[in-house]
N, C-alpha and C. Protein backbone atom coordinates (compact mmCIF):
# COMPACT_ATOMS: atom_id res chain seq x y z
N MET A 1 121.97 190.17 78.68
CA MET A 1 122.46 188.99 79.30
C MET A 1 123.26 189.33 80.55
N SER A 2 123.92 190.46 80.55
CA SER A 2 124.72 190.84 81.70
C SER A 2 123.86 191.22 82.89
N ASP A 3 122.62 191.64 82.66
CA ASP A 3 121.74 191.99 83.76
C ASP A 3 121.11 190.76 84.42
N HIS A 4 121.17 189.65 83.75
CA HIS A 4 120.56 188.42 84.26
C HIS A 4 121.48 187.78 85.29
N GLN A 5 120.91 187.46 86.44
CA GLN A 5 121.70 186.80 87.48
C GLN A 5 121.26 185.34 87.57
N VAL A 6 122.24 184.48 87.73
CA VAL A 6 121.97 183.05 87.82
C VAL A 6 121.63 182.72 89.27
N SER A 7 120.50 182.01 89.45
CA SER A 7 120.14 181.61 90.81
C SER A 7 120.81 180.28 91.15
N VAL A 8 120.67 179.84 92.39
CA VAL A 8 121.31 178.61 92.85
C VAL A 8 120.70 177.40 92.17
N ASN A 9 119.40 177.41 91.87
CA ASN A 9 118.72 176.26 91.29
C ASN A 9 118.88 176.20 89.79
N GLU A 10 119.41 177.19 89.18
CA GLU A 10 119.46 177.30 87.73
C GLU A 10 120.86 176.98 87.23
N PRO A 11 120.98 176.12 86.23
CA PRO A 11 122.31 175.83 85.68
C PRO A 11 122.84 177.04 84.92
N HIS A 12 124.18 177.11 84.81
CA HIS A 12 124.81 178.27 84.15
C HIS A 12 124.49 178.37 82.67
N ASP A 13 124.21 177.27 82.02
CA ASP A 13 123.94 177.31 80.59
C ASP A 13 122.45 177.32 80.27
N ALA A 14 121.61 177.63 81.22
CA ALA A 14 120.17 177.67 81.00
C ALA A 14 119.83 178.88 80.13
N PRO A 15 118.86 178.74 79.22
CA PRO A 15 118.48 179.87 78.37
C PRO A 15 117.85 180.98 79.20
N VAL A 16 118.10 182.19 78.78
CA VAL A 16 117.61 183.37 79.49
C VAL A 16 116.37 183.88 78.77
N TYR A 17 115.29 184.03 79.51
CA TYR A 17 114.05 184.57 78.96
C TYR A 17 113.78 185.92 79.62
N GLU A 18 113.68 186.95 78.80
CA GLU A 18 113.40 188.28 79.32
C GLU A 18 112.08 188.78 78.75
N GLU A 19 111.46 189.63 79.45
CA GLU A 19 110.19 190.19 79.01
C GLU A 19 110.46 191.48 78.24
N HIS A 20 110.73 191.33 76.95
CA HIS A 20 111.01 192.50 76.11
C HIS A 20 109.76 193.32 75.83
N THR A 21 108.63 192.67 75.77
CA THR A 21 107.41 193.38 75.38
C THR A 21 107.02 194.42 76.41
N LYS A 22 107.20 194.11 77.68
CA LYS A 22 106.82 195.06 78.72
C LYS A 22 107.73 196.29 78.67
N HIS A 23 109.03 196.07 78.57
CA HIS A 23 109.98 197.18 78.53
C HIS A 23 109.84 197.98 77.24
N LYS A 24 109.61 197.28 76.14
CA LYS A 24 109.53 197.95 74.86
C LYS A 24 108.32 198.88 74.79
N SER A 25 107.18 198.43 75.26
CA SER A 25 106.00 199.29 75.19
C SER A 25 106.16 200.50 76.10
N SER A 26 106.80 200.33 77.24
CA SER A 26 107.06 201.45 78.14
C SER A 26 108.02 202.44 77.50
N ASP A 27 109.08 201.92 76.86
CA ASP A 27 110.03 202.78 76.17
C ASP A 27 109.39 203.50 75.00
N GLU A 28 108.51 202.78 74.27
CA GLU A 28 107.83 203.42 73.14
C GLU A 28 106.93 204.55 73.61
N ARG A 29 106.24 204.34 74.75
CA ARG A 29 105.39 205.41 75.29
C ARG A 29 106.24 206.62 75.68
N GLU A 30 107.36 206.36 76.35
CA GLU A 30 108.24 207.46 76.75
C GLU A 30 108.81 208.17 75.54
N ASP A 31 109.19 207.41 74.51
CA ASP A 31 109.72 208.03 73.30
C ASP A 31 108.64 208.85 72.60
N ARG A 32 107.42 208.34 72.58
CA ARG A 32 106.32 209.06 71.94
C ARG A 32 106.04 210.36 72.69
N ILE A 33 106.03 210.29 74.02
CA ILE A 33 105.81 211.49 74.83
C ILE A 33 106.94 212.49 74.62
N ALA A 34 108.17 211.98 74.59
CA ALA A 34 109.32 212.86 74.36
C ALA A 34 109.25 213.49 72.98
N ALA A 35 108.85 212.70 71.97
CA ALA A 35 108.76 213.23 70.61
C ALA A 35 107.67 214.30 70.51
N ILE A 36 106.51 214.02 71.11
CA ILE A 36 105.42 214.99 71.07
C ILE A 36 105.80 216.26 71.83
N SER A 37 106.39 216.09 73.01
CA SER A 37 106.81 217.25 73.80
C SER A 37 107.87 218.06 73.07
N GLY A 38 108.85 217.37 72.49
CA GLY A 38 109.90 218.06 71.74
C GLY A 38 109.34 218.82 70.56
N ASN A 39 108.41 218.19 69.84
CA ASN A 39 107.79 218.83 68.68
C ASN A 39 106.98 220.05 69.11
N LEU A 40 106.22 219.91 70.20
CA LEU A 40 105.41 221.03 70.70
C LEU A 40 106.30 222.20 71.14
N LEU A 41 107.37 221.89 71.87
CA LEU A 41 108.27 222.95 72.32
C LEU A 41 109.00 223.61 71.15
N GLU A 42 109.37 222.81 70.15
CA GLU A 42 110.04 223.38 68.98
C GLU A 42 109.11 224.31 68.21
N ARG A 43 107.86 223.90 68.07
CA ARG A 43 106.89 224.76 67.39
C ARG A 43 106.62 226.04 68.19
N SER A 44 106.55 225.89 69.51
CA SER A 44 106.35 227.07 70.37
C SER A 44 107.54 228.02 70.26
N ASP A 45 108.74 227.45 70.23
CA ASP A 45 109.95 228.24 70.07
C ASP A 45 109.91 229.01 68.75
N SER A 46 109.53 228.32 67.68
CA SER A 46 109.45 228.98 66.37
C SER A 46 108.37 230.06 66.36
N LEU A 47 107.25 229.80 67.04
CA LEU A 47 106.18 230.79 67.10
C LEU A 47 106.65 232.05 67.83
N ILE A 48 107.33 231.87 68.94
CA ILE A 48 107.83 233.03 69.69
C ILE A 48 108.85 233.81 68.87
N TYR A 49 109.76 233.10 68.19
CA TYR A 49 110.73 233.78 67.33
C TYR A 49 110.01 234.54 66.21
N ALA A 50 108.96 233.95 65.65
CA ALA A 50 108.22 234.62 64.58
C ALA A 50 107.55 235.89 65.09
N ILE A 51 106.96 235.83 66.28
CA ILE A 51 106.33 237.02 66.86
C ILE A 51 107.37 238.10 67.12
N VAL A 52 108.51 237.70 67.68
CA VAL A 52 109.59 238.67 67.93
C VAL A 52 110.08 239.27 66.61
N GLY A 53 110.22 238.45 65.58
CA GLY A 53 110.64 238.94 64.27
C GLY A 53 109.67 239.95 63.69
N ILE A 54 108.37 239.67 63.83
CA ILE A 54 107.36 240.61 63.34
C ILE A 54 107.45 241.93 64.12
N CYS A 55 107.66 241.84 65.42
CA CYS A 55 107.80 243.06 66.23
C CYS A 55 109.03 243.87 65.80
N PHE A 56 110.14 243.17 65.52
CA PHE A 56 111.33 243.88 65.03
C PHE A 56 111.04 244.55 63.69
N PHE A 57 110.32 243.86 62.80
CA PHE A 57 109.98 244.44 61.51
C PHE A 57 109.14 245.70 61.69
N LEU A 58 108.11 245.60 62.53
CA LEU A 58 107.26 246.77 62.77
C LEU A 58 108.04 247.90 63.43
N GLY A 59 108.92 247.56 64.37
CA GLY A 59 109.76 248.58 65.01
C GLY A 59 110.67 249.27 64.01
N ALA A 60 111.27 248.49 63.10
CA ALA A 60 112.13 249.08 62.08
C ALA A 60 111.33 249.97 61.14
N LEU A 61 110.13 249.52 60.79
CA LEU A 61 109.27 250.31 59.91
C LEU A 61 108.89 251.64 60.56
N PHE A 62 108.49 251.59 61.82
CA PHE A 62 108.13 252.82 62.53
C PHE A 62 109.35 253.72 62.72
N ALA A 63 110.50 253.14 63.04
CA ALA A 63 111.72 253.94 63.22
C ALA A 63 112.11 254.61 61.90
N LEU A 64 111.96 253.90 60.80
CA LEU A 64 112.28 254.47 59.49
C LEU A 64 111.32 255.62 59.16
N GLY A 65 110.03 255.39 59.38
CA GLY A 65 109.05 256.45 59.13
C GLY A 65 109.30 257.67 60.00
N TYR A 66 109.59 257.44 61.28
CA TYR A 66 109.86 258.56 62.18
C TYR A 66 111.13 259.31 61.76
N SER A 67 112.15 258.57 61.30
CA SER A 67 113.40 259.21 60.86
C SER A 67 113.13 260.18 59.72
N PHE A 68 112.36 259.73 58.73
CA PHE A 68 112.06 260.60 57.60
C PHE A 68 111.16 261.76 58.00
N TRP A 69 110.19 261.50 58.87
CA TRP A 69 109.30 262.56 59.33
C TRP A 69 110.09 263.62 60.10
N ASP A 70 110.95 263.17 61.00
CA ASP A 70 111.76 264.09 61.80
C ASP A 70 112.70 264.90 60.91
N PHE A 71 113.33 264.22 59.94
CA PHE A 71 114.23 264.91 59.01
C PHE A 71 113.47 265.95 58.19
N GLY A 72 112.33 265.53 57.65
CA GLY A 72 111.54 266.45 56.82
C GLY A 72 111.04 267.65 57.60
N SER A 73 110.53 267.42 58.80
CA SER A 73 110.02 268.55 59.59
C SER A 73 111.14 269.48 60.03
N ALA A 74 112.31 268.94 60.32
CA ALA A 74 113.44 269.79 60.71
C ALA A 74 113.95 270.59 59.51
N MET A 75 113.99 269.97 58.34
CA MET A 75 114.47 270.68 57.15
C MET A 75 113.49 271.76 56.70
N LEU A 76 112.21 271.54 56.91
CA LEU A 76 111.22 272.55 56.52
C LEU A 76 111.18 273.72 57.50
N ASN A 77 111.75 273.53 58.68
CA ASN A 77 111.71 274.58 59.70
C ASN A 77 113.12 274.94 60.16
N VAL A 78 114.07 275.00 59.23
CA VAL A 78 115.46 275.29 59.58
C VAL A 78 115.59 276.64 60.25
N GLN A 79 114.95 277.65 59.68
CA GLN A 79 115.08 279.00 60.22
C GLN A 79 114.49 279.10 61.63
N GLY A 80 113.34 278.47 61.84
CA GLY A 80 112.72 278.51 63.16
C GLY A 80 113.55 277.81 64.21
N VAL A 81 114.13 276.67 63.85
CA VAL A 81 114.98 275.93 64.80
C VAL A 81 116.25 276.72 65.07
N ALA A 82 116.80 277.36 64.02
CA ALA A 82 118.05 278.12 64.18
C ALA A 82 117.85 279.29 65.15
N THR A 83 116.75 280.02 65.00
CA THR A 83 116.52 281.15 65.91
C THR A 83 116.18 280.67 67.32
N LYS A 84 115.47 279.56 67.42
CA LYS A 84 115.09 279.03 68.74
C LYS A 84 116.31 278.54 69.52
N GLN A 85 117.25 277.88 68.82
CA GLN A 85 118.43 277.33 69.49
C GLN A 85 119.63 278.27 69.44
N ALA A 86 119.47 279.43 68.81
CA ALA A 86 120.54 280.43 68.69
C ALA A 86 121.77 279.86 68.00
N VAL A 87 121.54 279.18 66.87
CA VAL A 87 122.62 278.64 66.04
C VAL A 87 122.37 279.06 64.60
N THR A 88 123.35 278.82 63.75
CA THR A 88 123.19 279.17 62.34
C THR A 88 122.37 278.09 61.63
N PRO A 89 121.73 278.45 60.52
CA PRO A 89 120.98 277.45 59.76
C PRO A 89 121.86 276.30 59.26
N GLN A 90 123.12 276.58 58.96
CA GLN A 90 124.03 275.52 58.51
C GLN A 90 124.24 274.48 59.60
N GLU A 91 124.34 274.94 60.84
CA GLU A 91 124.50 274.00 61.96
C GLU A 91 123.25 273.15 62.15
N VAL A 92 122.10 273.75 61.92
CA VAL A 92 120.85 272.99 62.03
C VAL A 92 120.79 271.92 60.95
N VAL A 93 121.14 272.29 59.71
CA VAL A 93 121.12 271.32 58.61
C VAL A 93 122.13 270.20 58.86
N ALA A 94 123.34 270.56 59.29
CA ALA A 94 124.36 269.54 59.56
C ALA A 94 123.90 268.60 60.67
N GLY A 95 123.36 269.15 61.74
CA GLY A 95 122.87 268.32 62.83
C GLY A 95 121.72 267.43 62.41
N THR A 96 120.84 267.96 61.56
CA THR A 96 119.69 267.19 61.08
C THR A 96 120.14 266.03 60.19
N ILE A 97 121.11 266.28 59.33
CA ILE A 97 121.62 265.21 58.46
C ILE A 97 122.31 264.13 59.29
N ILE A 98 123.11 264.54 60.25
CA ILE A 98 123.80 263.57 61.10
C ILE A 98 122.78 262.76 61.91
N LYS A 99 121.73 263.41 62.37
CA LYS A 99 120.68 262.70 63.12
C LYS A 99 119.96 261.71 62.22
N LEU A 100 119.72 262.08 60.95
CA LEU A 100 119.09 261.16 60.01
C LEU A 100 119.97 259.92 59.80
N VAL A 101 121.26 260.14 59.60
CA VAL A 101 122.18 259.01 59.41
C VAL A 101 122.19 258.12 60.65
N SER A 102 122.21 258.73 61.82
CA SER A 102 122.18 257.97 63.07
C SER A 102 120.89 257.17 63.20
N ASP A 103 119.77 257.78 62.84
CA ASP A 103 118.49 257.07 62.90
C ASP A 103 118.45 255.92 61.89
N LEU A 104 119.01 256.14 60.71
CA LEU A 104 119.05 255.07 59.71
C LEU A 104 119.94 253.91 60.16
N LEU A 105 121.03 254.24 60.86
CA LEU A 105 121.87 253.18 61.41
C LEU A 105 121.13 252.39 62.49
N LEU A 106 120.29 253.06 63.25
CA LEU A 106 119.47 252.35 64.23
C LEU A 106 118.52 251.38 63.52
N VAL A 107 117.94 251.81 62.41
CA VAL A 107 117.08 250.93 61.62
C VAL A 107 117.88 249.73 61.12
N LEU A 108 119.12 249.97 60.68
CA LEU A 108 119.97 248.85 60.25
C LEU A 108 120.25 247.88 61.38
N ILE A 109 120.47 248.39 62.58
CA ILE A 109 120.70 247.51 63.73
C ILE A 109 119.47 246.65 63.98
N ILE A 110 118.30 247.25 63.93
CA ILE A 110 117.06 246.49 64.14
C ILE A 110 116.91 245.43 63.05
N MET A 111 117.22 245.79 61.81
CA MET A 111 117.10 244.84 60.70
C MET A 111 118.10 243.70 60.83
N GLU A 112 119.30 243.97 61.33
CA GLU A 112 120.27 242.90 61.54
C GLU A 112 119.78 241.91 62.60
N VAL A 113 119.18 242.44 63.66
CA VAL A 113 118.62 241.54 64.68
C VAL A 113 117.48 240.73 64.08
N MET A 114 116.65 241.38 63.27
CA MET A 114 115.56 240.66 62.61
C MET A 114 116.12 239.60 61.66
N GLY A 115 117.22 239.91 60.98
CA GLY A 115 117.87 238.92 60.11
C GLY A 115 118.35 237.71 60.90
N THR A 116 118.81 237.94 62.12
CA THR A 116 119.22 236.83 62.98
C THR A 116 118.03 235.96 63.32
N VAL A 117 116.89 236.58 63.59
CA VAL A 117 115.68 235.82 63.89
C VAL A 117 115.25 235.02 62.67
N ILE A 118 115.30 235.62 61.49
CA ILE A 118 114.94 234.92 60.26
C ILE A 118 115.88 233.74 60.03
N HIS A 119 117.16 233.95 60.23
CA HIS A 119 118.14 232.86 60.06
C HIS A 119 117.84 231.72 61.02
N TYR A 120 117.47 232.04 62.25
CA TYR A 120 117.14 230.99 63.22
C TYR A 120 115.89 230.24 62.79
N LEU A 121 114.88 230.96 62.29
CA LEU A 121 113.64 230.30 61.88
C LEU A 121 113.88 229.37 60.69
N LYS A 122 114.80 229.72 59.80
CA LYS A 122 115.07 228.87 58.64
C LYS A 122 115.92 227.66 58.97
N SER A 123 116.96 227.85 59.78
CA SER A 123 117.91 226.75 60.01
C SER A 123 117.95 226.25 61.45
N HIS A 124 117.22 226.88 62.35
CA HIS A 124 117.24 226.54 63.79
C HIS A 124 118.65 226.51 64.34
N ALA A 125 119.44 227.48 63.89
CA ALA A 125 120.81 227.65 64.40
C ALA A 125 121.10 229.15 64.43
N THR A 126 121.88 229.55 65.40
CA THR A 126 122.25 230.96 65.48
C THR A 126 123.62 231.16 64.84
N SER A 127 123.88 232.40 64.47
CA SER A 127 125.13 232.74 63.82
C SER A 127 125.78 233.91 64.55
N LEU A 128 127.08 233.93 64.54
CA LEU A 128 127.83 234.99 65.22
C LEU A 128 127.94 236.25 64.37
N ARG A 129 127.98 236.09 63.07
CA ARG A 129 128.21 237.21 62.15
C ARG A 129 127.26 238.39 62.34
N PRO A 130 125.94 238.19 62.44
CA PRO A 130 125.06 239.36 62.61
C PRO A 130 125.36 240.16 63.88
N PHE A 131 125.74 239.48 64.94
CA PHE A 131 126.03 240.19 66.19
C PHE A 131 127.30 241.02 66.07
N LEU A 132 128.27 240.54 65.30
CA LEU A 132 129.47 241.33 65.06
C LEU A 132 129.14 242.57 64.24
N PHE A 133 128.28 242.40 63.21
CA PHE A 133 127.86 243.55 62.42
C PHE A 133 127.07 244.55 63.26
N ILE A 134 126.21 244.04 64.13
CA ILE A 134 125.43 244.92 65.00
C ILE A 134 126.36 245.74 65.88
N GLY A 135 127.39 245.11 66.42
CA GLY A 135 128.35 245.83 67.25
C GLY A 135 129.09 246.91 66.47
N ILE A 136 129.47 246.59 65.24
CA ILE A 136 130.18 247.56 64.40
C ILE A 136 129.27 248.74 64.05
N VAL A 137 128.04 248.45 63.65
CA VAL A 137 127.10 249.53 63.29
C VAL A 137 126.77 250.37 64.52
N SER A 138 126.61 249.73 65.67
CA SER A 138 126.30 250.46 66.90
C SER A 138 127.45 251.39 67.29
N ALA A 139 128.68 250.92 67.19
CA ALA A 139 129.83 251.77 67.50
C ALA A 139 129.94 252.92 66.49
N THR A 140 129.65 252.65 65.23
CA THR A 140 129.66 253.70 64.21
C THR A 140 128.60 254.75 64.53
N ARG A 141 127.45 254.29 64.95
CA ARG A 141 126.38 255.21 65.35
C ARG A 141 126.83 256.08 66.53
N GLY A 142 127.54 255.48 67.47
CA GLY A 142 128.06 256.24 68.61
C GLY A 142 129.05 257.31 68.16
N ILE A 143 129.91 256.96 67.21
CA ILE A 143 130.88 257.93 66.69
C ILE A 143 130.16 259.10 66.01
N LEU A 144 129.13 258.78 65.21
CA LEU A 144 128.37 259.84 64.55
C LEU A 144 127.65 260.73 65.56
N SER A 145 127.14 260.12 66.61
CA SER A 145 126.45 260.90 67.64
C SER A 145 127.41 261.87 68.33
N ILE A 146 128.60 261.39 68.64
CA ILE A 146 129.61 262.25 69.27
C ILE A 146 130.04 263.34 68.31
N GLY A 147 130.23 262.97 67.05
CA GLY A 147 130.62 263.96 66.04
C GLY A 147 129.57 265.04 65.89
N ALA A 148 128.31 264.66 65.92
CA ALA A 148 127.24 265.65 65.81
C ALA A 148 127.24 266.57 67.02
N ARG A 149 127.42 265.99 68.18
CA ARG A 149 127.43 266.80 69.41
C ARG A 149 128.60 267.77 69.41
N LEU A 150 129.77 267.32 68.94
CA LEU A 150 130.95 268.18 68.93
C LEU A 150 130.85 269.26 67.86
N SER A 151 130.18 268.97 66.74
CA SER A 151 130.10 269.96 65.67
C SER A 151 129.08 271.05 65.97
N VAL A 152 128.07 270.74 66.75
CA VAL A 152 127.02 271.72 67.03
C VAL A 152 127.33 272.53 68.28
N ASN A 153 127.82 271.88 69.32
CA ASN A 153 128.06 272.56 70.59
C ASN A 153 129.55 272.85 70.79
N GLN A 154 129.83 273.89 71.53
CA GLN A 154 131.21 274.17 71.93
C GLN A 154 131.48 273.35 73.20
N VAL A 155 132.33 272.35 73.05
CA VAL A 155 132.63 271.46 74.17
C VAL A 155 134.05 271.74 74.63
N THR A 156 134.22 271.94 75.93
CA THR A 156 135.55 272.21 76.48
C THR A 156 135.76 271.41 77.75
N GLY A 157 137.02 271.35 78.15
CA GLY A 157 137.37 270.74 79.43
C GLY A 157 137.10 269.26 79.51
N SER A 158 136.51 268.86 80.62
CA SER A 158 136.30 267.43 80.87
C SER A 158 135.27 266.83 79.91
N ASP A 159 134.31 267.63 79.44
CA ASP A 159 133.34 267.12 78.46
C ASP A 159 134.04 266.74 77.16
N PHE A 160 135.01 267.56 76.75
CA PHE A 160 135.77 267.26 75.55
C PHE A 160 136.60 265.99 75.75
N ASN A 161 137.25 265.88 76.90
CA ASN A 161 138.04 264.67 77.20
C ASN A 161 137.17 263.42 77.20
N ASN A 162 135.98 263.52 77.80
CA ASN A 162 135.06 262.38 77.82
C ASN A 162 134.62 262.00 76.41
N ALA A 163 134.37 263.01 75.57
CA ALA A 163 133.97 262.74 74.19
C ALA A 163 135.10 262.06 73.42
N MET A 164 136.34 262.49 73.65
CA MET A 164 137.48 261.86 72.98
C MET A 164 137.68 260.41 73.45
N ILE A 165 137.49 260.18 74.73
CA ILE A 165 137.59 258.80 75.25
C ILE A 165 136.50 257.94 74.63
N GLU A 166 135.30 258.48 74.55
CA GLU A 166 134.18 257.74 73.95
C GLU A 166 134.46 257.44 72.47
N LEU A 167 135.01 258.42 71.75
CA LEU A 167 135.38 258.19 70.35
C LEU A 167 136.44 257.09 70.25
N GLY A 168 137.43 257.14 71.13
CA GLY A 168 138.48 256.12 71.11
C GLY A 168 137.95 254.73 71.41
N VAL A 169 137.06 254.63 72.38
CA VAL A 169 136.48 253.33 72.72
C VAL A 169 135.64 252.80 71.56
N ASN A 170 134.82 253.66 70.96
CA ASN A 170 134.02 253.22 69.81
C ASN A 170 134.90 252.80 68.64
N GLY A 171 135.97 253.55 68.40
CA GLY A 171 136.91 253.17 67.35
C GLY A 171 137.58 251.84 67.65
N ALA A 172 137.96 251.61 68.90
CA ALA A 172 138.58 250.34 69.29
C ALA A 172 137.59 249.19 69.15
N VAL A 173 136.33 249.43 69.46
CA VAL A 173 135.31 248.39 69.30
C VAL A 173 135.16 248.02 67.84
N ILE A 174 135.11 249.03 66.96
CA ILE A 174 135.00 248.75 65.53
C ILE A 174 136.21 247.96 65.05
N LEU A 175 137.39 248.37 65.46
CA LEU A 175 138.61 247.68 65.07
C LEU A 175 138.63 246.24 65.59
N ALA A 176 138.29 246.05 66.85
CA ALA A 176 138.31 244.70 67.44
C ALA A 176 137.29 243.79 66.78
N LEU A 177 136.08 244.30 66.54
CA LEU A 177 135.06 243.47 65.91
C LEU A 177 135.40 243.18 64.45
N GLY A 178 135.99 244.16 63.77
CA GLY A 178 136.43 243.92 62.39
C GLY A 178 137.51 242.86 62.32
N ILE A 179 138.48 242.93 63.23
CA ILE A 179 139.54 241.91 63.27
C ILE A 179 138.94 240.54 63.61
N THR A 180 138.01 240.52 64.56
CA THR A 180 137.35 239.26 64.91
C THR A 180 136.62 238.68 63.72
N LEU A 181 135.93 239.52 62.98
CA LEU A 181 135.21 239.07 61.79
C LEU A 181 136.17 238.50 60.77
N LYS A 182 137.31 239.15 60.59
CA LYS A 182 138.30 238.68 59.63
C LYS A 182 138.95 237.37 60.09
N LEU A 183 139.30 237.29 61.38
CA LEU A 183 139.95 236.09 61.89
C LEU A 183 139.03 234.87 61.87
N LEU A 184 137.77 235.09 62.20
CA LEU A 184 136.85 233.96 62.21
C LEU A 184 136.45 233.55 60.80
N GLY A 185 136.50 234.48 59.88
CA GLY A 185 136.25 234.24 58.47
C GLY A 185 135.24 233.17 58.15
N LYS A 186 135.73 232.01 57.79
CA LYS A 186 134.87 230.94 57.33
C LYS A 186 134.11 230.25 58.46
N PHE A 187 134.54 230.44 59.70
CA PHE A 187 133.86 229.80 60.82
C PHE A 187 132.50 230.42 61.09
N VAL A 188 132.31 231.67 60.71
CA VAL A 188 131.04 232.34 60.99
C VAL A 188 130.18 232.48 59.74
N GLU A 189 130.48 231.68 58.71
CA GLU A 189 129.66 231.73 57.51
C GLU A 189 128.25 231.28 57.83
N ASP A 190 127.27 231.90 57.19
CA ASP A 190 125.87 231.54 57.45
C ASP A 190 125.53 230.22 56.84
């Protein structure tokens, strides 16, 4: 009624006749197009997430297989690696175990990302919690990598200082993300 303007020839109390059918059919067409487009885009979004999730699964599977293969081949050839690198067999075993743990943590990171994709496919919402866990696991992996490097090689001078700074930063990241996880508590529940 507010859109209707009274002309000079028309009394103020004259009934207002509007053409609802023309506007309604146009709106229905637009709504139908919007609904179909939205549905198509949502399905496409889900399809892309599913493909990415499958790729993460295959990547994790290959990374896990390679981790075990690399560990097994290194353990079966400890003496050969020790003489080739001029280190003791104990150092080779320690480095191999640390590398296996680091590789397994990489698989966990991939699986956490895949879990985020699965969560999105089920609820069409993202969650902060997996990304915090990914950050914690990644920083832990960095600490293990530095520890392996320091235990196998003699590091001195600026390389040692850089390794200590890297350890400190990774430790601070773990602490900060852990505190964030605790503070957000119920807000980041899945």
